[in-house]
Amino acid sequence: MIRVTVTKHHGTYTGIVCDGHAGFSEYGTDIVCAACSMLVINTINSLDAITHTAMDVVSEESGHLEVVFQKRLDDRELVLLDAMILGLTQVRKEYGKSYLKFYIKEV
């Protein structure tokens, strides 16, 4: 199962943790894993390339990805994260909670 936790502090996003594998199907054919990975990684790449967001990123081959934003996000950055959250919510709705757990956590 994939677990994605988006943290917020005083109403703004502060980080993302994505961990695990969906287990929907065999490695290399798992569309749930591919969809979640694409949404999260594309968002991080977009934050870097388009908005030049200051962030610390730790990525491991084991399926663990962690992002900590270094400053309060502006409206453009928030839109990118809101789009990621919408996409993950739709994946969970389509394929079920047994493959993707998604949390927004106020810290």
N, C-alpha and C. Protein backbone atom coordinates (compact mmCIF):
# COMPACT_ATOMS: atom_id res chain seq x y z
N MET A 1 0.83 -1.18 0.00
CA MET A 1 0.00 0.00 0.00
C MET A 1 0.89 1.25 0.00
N ILE A 2 0.44 2.26 -0.73
CA ILE A 2 1.13 3.55 -0.76
C ILE A 2 0.50 4.43 0.31
N ARG A 3 1.36 5.11 1.06
CA ARG A 3 0.90 6.08 2.05
C ARG A 3 1.47 7.44 1.68
N VAL A 4 0.58 8.41 1.48
CA VAL A 4 1.01 9.77 1.19
C VAL A 4 0.47 10.65 2.31
N THR A 5 1.39 11.37 2.95
CA THR A 5 1.01 12.32 3.99
C THR A 5 1.49 13.69 3.57
N VAL A 6 0.55 14.62 3.51
CA VAL A 6 0.87 16.01 3.23
C VAL A 6 0.69 16.76 4.55
N THR A 7 1.76 17.44 4.97
CA THR A 7 1.67 18.17 6.23
C THR A 7 1.40 19.64 5.98
N LYS A 8 0.65 20.22 6.93
CA LYS A 8 0.32 21.64 6.87
C LYS A 8 0.61 22.25 8.24
N HIS A 9 0.95 23.53 8.22
CA HIS A 9 1.14 24.28 9.46
C HIS A 9 0.51 25.65 9.25
N HIS A 10 -0.45 25.98 10.09
CA HIS A 10 -1.19 27.24 9.96
C HIS A 10 -1.77 27.41 8.56
N GLY A 11 -2.32 26.32 8.01
CA GLY A 11 -3.04 26.39 6.75
C GLY A 11 -2.21 26.32 5.49
N THR A 12 -0.89 26.23 5.59
CA THR A 12 -0.08 26.12 4.38
C THR A 12 0.70 24.80 4.39
N TYR A 13 0.95 24.27 3.23
CA TYR A 13 1.68 23.01 3.11
C TYR A 13 3.13 23.18 3.57
N THR A 14 3.61 22.20 4.31
CA THR A 14 4.99 22.24 4.77
C THR A 14 5.82 21.06 4.26
N GLY A 15 5.16 19.99 3.82
CA GLY A 15 5.91 18.84 3.35
C GLY A 15 5.05 17.72 2.81
N ILE A 16 5.72 16.75 2.22
CA ILE A 16 5.07 15.56 1.66
C ILE A 16 5.93 14.36 2.01
N VAL A 17 5.28 13.28 2.43
CA VAL A 17 5.97 12.00 2.59
C VAL A 17 5.17 10.97 1.80
N CYS A 18 5.85 10.26 0.91
CA CYS A 18 5.23 9.21 0.11
C CYS A 18 6.05 7.94 0.32
N ASP A 19 5.37 6.86 0.69
CA ASP A 19 6.08 5.65 1.06
C ASP A 19 5.29 4.43 0.63
N GLY A 20 6.00 3.41 0.14
CA GLY A 20 5.39 2.13 -0.14
C GLY A 20 5.10 1.88 -1.61
N HIS A 21 4.47 0.74 -1.84
CA HIS A 21 4.07 0.31 -3.18
C HIS A 21 2.60 -0.13 -3.11
N ALA A 22 1.87 0.13 -4.15
CA ALA A 22 0.42 -0.11 -4.14
C ALA A 22 0.07 -1.59 -3.98
N GLY A 23 0.74 -2.45 -4.69
CA GLY A 23 0.38 -3.87 -4.65
C GLY A 23 -0.88 -4.19 -5.44
N PHE A 24 -1.24 -3.31 -6.38
CA PHE A 24 -2.42 -3.53 -7.21
C PHE A 24 -2.18 -4.66 -8.20
N SER A 25 -0.97 -4.70 -8.75
CA SER A 25 -0.59 -5.78 -9.66
C SER A 25 0.92 -5.95 -9.59
N GLU A 26 1.45 -6.82 -10.45
CA GLU A 26 2.87 -7.13 -10.43
C GLU A 26 3.72 -5.90 -10.74
N TYR A 27 4.95 -5.94 -10.21
CA TYR A 27 5.92 -4.88 -10.46
C TYR A 27 6.05 -4.66 -11.98
N GLY A 28 6.03 -3.41 -12.37
CA GLY A 28 6.15 -3.07 -13.79
C GLY A 28 4.81 -2.94 -14.50
N THR A 29 3.74 -3.44 -13.88
CA THR A 29 2.41 -3.33 -14.49
C THR A 29 1.40 -2.69 -13.52
N ASP A 30 1.88 -2.18 -12.39
CA ASP A 30 1.01 -1.64 -11.35
C ASP A 30 0.61 -0.21 -11.70
N ILE A 31 -0.60 -0.03 -12.25
CA ILE A 31 -1.04 1.29 -12.70
C ILE A 31 -1.34 2.23 -11.53
N VAL A 32 -1.71 1.69 -10.38
CA VAL A 32 -1.96 2.55 -9.21
C VAL A 32 -0.64 3.13 -8.72
N CYS A 33 0.37 2.31 -8.64
CA CYS A 33 1.70 2.77 -8.23
C CYS A 33 2.23 3.80 -9.23
N ALA A 34 2.07 3.52 -10.49
CA ALA A 34 2.54 4.44 -11.53
C ALA A 34 1.81 5.78 -11.45
N ALA A 35 0.51 5.75 -11.26
CA ALA A 35 -0.27 6.98 -11.19
C ALA A 35 0.15 7.83 -9.99
N CYS A 36 0.27 7.19 -8.84
CA CYS A 36 0.66 7.93 -7.63
C CYS A 36 2.07 8.50 -7.76
N SER A 37 2.98 7.68 -8.26
CA SER A 37 4.36 8.13 -8.44
C SER A 37 4.41 9.31 -9.40
N MET A 38 3.70 9.21 -10.50
CA MET A 38 3.69 10.28 -11.49
C MET A 38 3.15 11.57 -10.90
N LEU A 39 2.06 11.48 -10.16
CA LEU A 39 1.48 12.68 -9.56
C LEU A 39 2.43 13.36 -8.59
N VAL A 40 3.02 12.58 -7.70
CA VAL A 40 3.91 13.15 -6.68
C VAL A 40 5.20 13.66 -7.31
N ILE A 41 5.84 12.85 -8.13
CA ILE A 41 7.12 13.26 -8.72
C ILE A 41 6.95 14.42 -9.68
N ASN A 42 5.88 14.42 -10.48
CA ASN A 42 5.64 15.54 -11.39
C ASN A 42 5.40 16.83 -10.61
N THR A 43 4.71 16.75 -9.49
CA THR A 43 4.48 17.94 -8.67
C THR A 43 5.79 18.48 -8.14
N ILE A 44 6.64 17.61 -7.62
CA ILE A 44 7.94 18.05 -7.10
C ILE A 44 8.79 18.64 -8.22
N ASN A 45 8.81 17.97 -9.38
CA ASN A 45 9.57 18.50 -10.51
C ASN A 45 9.02 19.85 -10.98
N SER A 46 7.70 20.01 -10.98
CA SER A 46 7.08 21.27 -11.37
C SER A 46 7.41 22.38 -10.38
N LEU A 47 7.36 22.05 -9.09
CA LEU A 47 7.72 23.03 -8.07
C LEU A 47 9.16 23.50 -8.26
N ASP A 48 10.02 22.59 -8.64
CA ASP A 48 11.43 22.92 -8.86
C ASP A 48 11.61 23.74 -10.14
N ALA A 49 11.10 23.23 -11.26
CA ALA A 49 11.37 23.83 -12.57
C ALA A 49 10.54 25.08 -12.87
N ILE A 50 9.30 25.12 -12.41
CA ILE A 50 8.41 26.23 -12.78
C ILE A 50 8.42 27.34 -11.74
N THR A 51 8.32 26.98 -10.47
CA THR A 51 8.21 28.00 -9.42
C THR A 51 9.50 28.17 -8.62
N HIS A 52 10.49 27.30 -8.86
CA HIS A 52 11.79 27.37 -8.17
C HIS A 52 11.62 27.36 -6.65
N THR A 53 10.77 26.47 -6.20
CA THR A 53 10.46 26.35 -4.78
C THR A 53 11.68 25.84 -4.00
N ALA A 54 11.97 26.50 -2.89
CA ALA A 54 13.05 26.06 -2.01
C ALA A 54 12.54 24.87 -1.20
N MET A 55 13.17 23.71 -1.39
CA MET A 55 12.73 22.51 -0.68
C MET A 55 13.89 21.53 -0.54
N ASP A 56 13.78 20.71 0.48
CA ASP A 56 14.71 19.61 0.69
C ASP A 56 14.00 18.34 0.26
N VAL A 57 14.64 17.53 -0.60
CA VAL A 57 14.04 16.31 -1.12
C VAL A 57 14.95 15.13 -0.82
N VAL A 58 14.35 14.09 -0.23
CA VAL A 58 15.06 12.83 0.01
C VAL A 58 14.29 11.75 -0.73
N SER A 59 14.97 11.05 -1.64
CA SER A 59 14.35 10.00 -2.42
C SER A 59 15.19 8.74 -2.30
N GLU A 60 14.52 7.63 -2.01
CA GLU A 60 15.21 6.35 -1.89
C GLU A 60 14.61 5.36 -2.87
N GLU A 61 15.41 4.44 -3.36
CA GLU A 61 14.93 3.45 -4.31
C GLU A 61 13.88 2.51 -3.71
N SER A 62 13.77 2.50 -2.39
CA SER A 62 12.81 1.62 -1.73
C SER A 62 11.37 2.10 -1.87
N GLY A 63 11.17 3.23 -2.53
CA GLY A 63 9.82 3.75 -2.68
C GLY A 63 9.49 4.85 -1.69
N HIS A 64 10.50 5.35 -0.98
CA HIS A 64 10.29 6.42 0.01
C HIS A 64 10.71 7.75 -0.59
N LEU A 65 9.85 8.76 -0.45
CA LEU A 65 10.14 10.11 -0.92
C LEU A 65 9.67 11.08 0.14
N GLU A 66 10.53 12.02 0.49
CA GLU A 66 10.18 13.00 1.51
C GLU A 66 10.58 14.38 1.03
N VAL A 67 9.68 15.35 1.19
CA VAL A 67 9.91 16.73 0.78
C VAL A 67 9.57 17.64 1.95
N VAL A 68 10.46 18.59 2.23
CA VAL A 68 10.19 19.62 3.24
C VAL A 68 10.38 20.97 2.56
N PHE A 69 9.34 21.79 2.60
CA PHE A 69 9.41 23.11 1.99
C PHE A 69 10.12 24.06 2.94
N GLN A 70 11.02 24.87 2.40
CA GLN A 70 11.85 25.74 3.22
C GLN A 70 11.22 27.09 3.53
N LYS A 71 10.11 27.39 2.89
CA LYS A 71 9.43 28.68 3.12
C LYS A 71 7.92 28.51 2.94
N ARG A 72 7.20 29.51 3.34
CA ARG A 72 5.75 29.52 3.13
C ARG A 72 5.49 29.57 1.62
N LEU A 73 4.60 28.73 1.13
CA LEU A 73 4.34 28.62 -0.31
C LEU A 73 3.44 29.75 -0.80
N ASP A 74 3.68 30.18 -2.04
CA ASP A 74 2.83 31.21 -2.63
C ASP A 74 1.67 30.56 -3.39
N ASP A 75 0.82 31.38 -3.97
CA ASP A 75 -0.39 30.88 -4.64
C ASP A 75 -0.09 29.92 -5.78
N ARG A 76 0.95 30.17 -6.58
CA ARG A 76 1.29 29.27 -7.69
C ARG A 76 1.70 27.91 -7.17
N GLU A 77 2.49 27.89 -6.12
CA GLU A 77 2.95 26.64 -5.53
C GLU A 77 1.78 25.86 -4.92
N LEU A 78 0.87 26.60 -4.27
CA LEU A 78 -0.30 25.97 -3.67
C LEU A 78 -1.19 25.31 -4.71
N VAL A 79 -1.32 25.93 -5.87
CA VAL A 79 -2.14 25.35 -6.95
C VAL A 79 -1.54 24.02 -7.41
N LEU A 80 -0.23 23.96 -7.54
CA LEU A 80 0.40 22.71 -7.95
C LEU A 80 0.15 21.60 -6.92
N LEU A 81 0.26 21.92 -5.64
CA LEU A 81 0.01 20.91 -4.61
C LEU A 81 -1.47 20.54 -4.55
N ASP A 82 -2.36 21.52 -4.71
CA ASP A 82 -3.79 21.20 -4.73
C ASP A 82 -4.12 20.27 -5.89
N ALA A 83 -3.47 20.47 -7.05
CA ALA A 83 -3.69 19.58 -8.20
C ALA A 83 -3.20 18.17 -7.90
N MET A 84 -2.07 18.04 -7.22
CA MET A 84 -1.57 16.72 -6.84
C MET A 84 -2.57 16.03 -5.91
N ILE A 85 -3.06 16.78 -4.93
CA ILE A 85 -4.02 16.22 -3.97
C ILE A 85 -5.30 15.79 -4.68
N LEU A 86 -5.78 16.58 -5.62
CA LEU A 86 -6.96 16.20 -6.39
C LEU A 86 -6.71 14.90 -7.15
N GLY A 87 -5.56 14.80 -7.80
CA GLY A 87 -5.23 13.58 -8.54
C GLY A 87 -5.14 12.36 -7.64
N LEU A 88 -4.47 12.48 -6.49
CA LEU A 88 -4.36 11.35 -5.56
C LEU A 88 -5.74 10.96 -5.02
N THR A 89 -6.57 11.94 -4.76
CA THR A 89 -7.93 11.67 -4.28
C THR A 89 -8.72 10.89 -5.32
N GLN A 90 -8.55 11.23 -6.58
CA GLN A 90 -9.25 10.53 -7.66
C GLN A 90 -8.72 9.11 -7.83
N VAL A 91 -7.42 8.91 -7.69
CA VAL A 91 -6.85 7.55 -7.77
C VAL A 91 -7.43 6.70 -6.64
N ARG A 92 -7.46 7.24 -5.44
CA ARG A 92 -8.00 6.49 -4.30
C ARG A 92 -9.48 6.17 -4.50
N LYS A 93 -10.22 7.13 -5.03
CA LYS A 93 -11.64 6.93 -5.28
C LYS A 93 -11.87 5.84 -6.34
N GLU A 94 -11.05 5.83 -7.37
CA GLU A 94 -11.19 4.87 -8.47
C GLU A 94 -10.75 3.46 -8.09
N TYR A 95 -9.64 3.34 -7.35
CA TYR A 95 -9.05 2.02 -7.10
C TYR A 95 -9.19 1.53 -5.66
N GLY A 96 -9.55 2.40 -4.75
CA GLY A 96 -9.83 1.97 -3.40
C GLY A 96 -8.76 2.28 -2.38
N LYS A 97 -9.21 2.32 -1.15
CA LYS A 97 -8.34 2.68 -0.02
C LYS A 97 -7.35 1.58 0.34
N SER A 98 -7.53 0.38 -0.18
CA SER A 98 -6.60 -0.70 0.16
C SER A 98 -5.27 -0.55 -0.59
N TYR A 99 -5.21 0.33 -1.60
CA TYR A 99 -3.98 0.53 -2.36
C TYR A 99 -3.31 1.87 -2.07
N LEU A 100 -4.10 2.85 -1.61
CA LEU A 100 -3.57 4.19 -1.36
C LEU A 100 -4.24 4.78 -0.12
N LYS A 101 -3.42 5.09 0.86
CA LYS A 101 -3.87 5.84 2.04
C LYS A 101 -3.33 7.25 1.86
N PHE A 102 -4.20 8.22 2.04
CA PHE A 102 -3.83 9.61 1.81
C PHE A 102 -4.28 10.45 2.99
N TYR A 103 -3.36 11.22 3.56
CA TYR A 103 -3.65 12.03 4.74
C TYR A 103 -3.18 13.46 4.54
N ILE A 104 -3.96 14.38 5.06
CA ILE A 104 -3.50 15.76 5.21
C ILE A 104 -3.46 15.99 6.71
N LYS A 105 -2.26 16.29 7.21
CA LYS A 105 -2.02 16.34 8.64
C LYS A 105 -1.59 17.74 9.05
N GLU A 106 -2.33 18.34 9.96
CA GLU A 106 -1.96 19.65 10.51
C GLU A 106 -0.97 19.44 11.65
N VAL A 107 0.18 20.10 11.56
CA VAL A 107 1.21 19.95 12.60
C VAL A 107 1.49 21.28 13.28
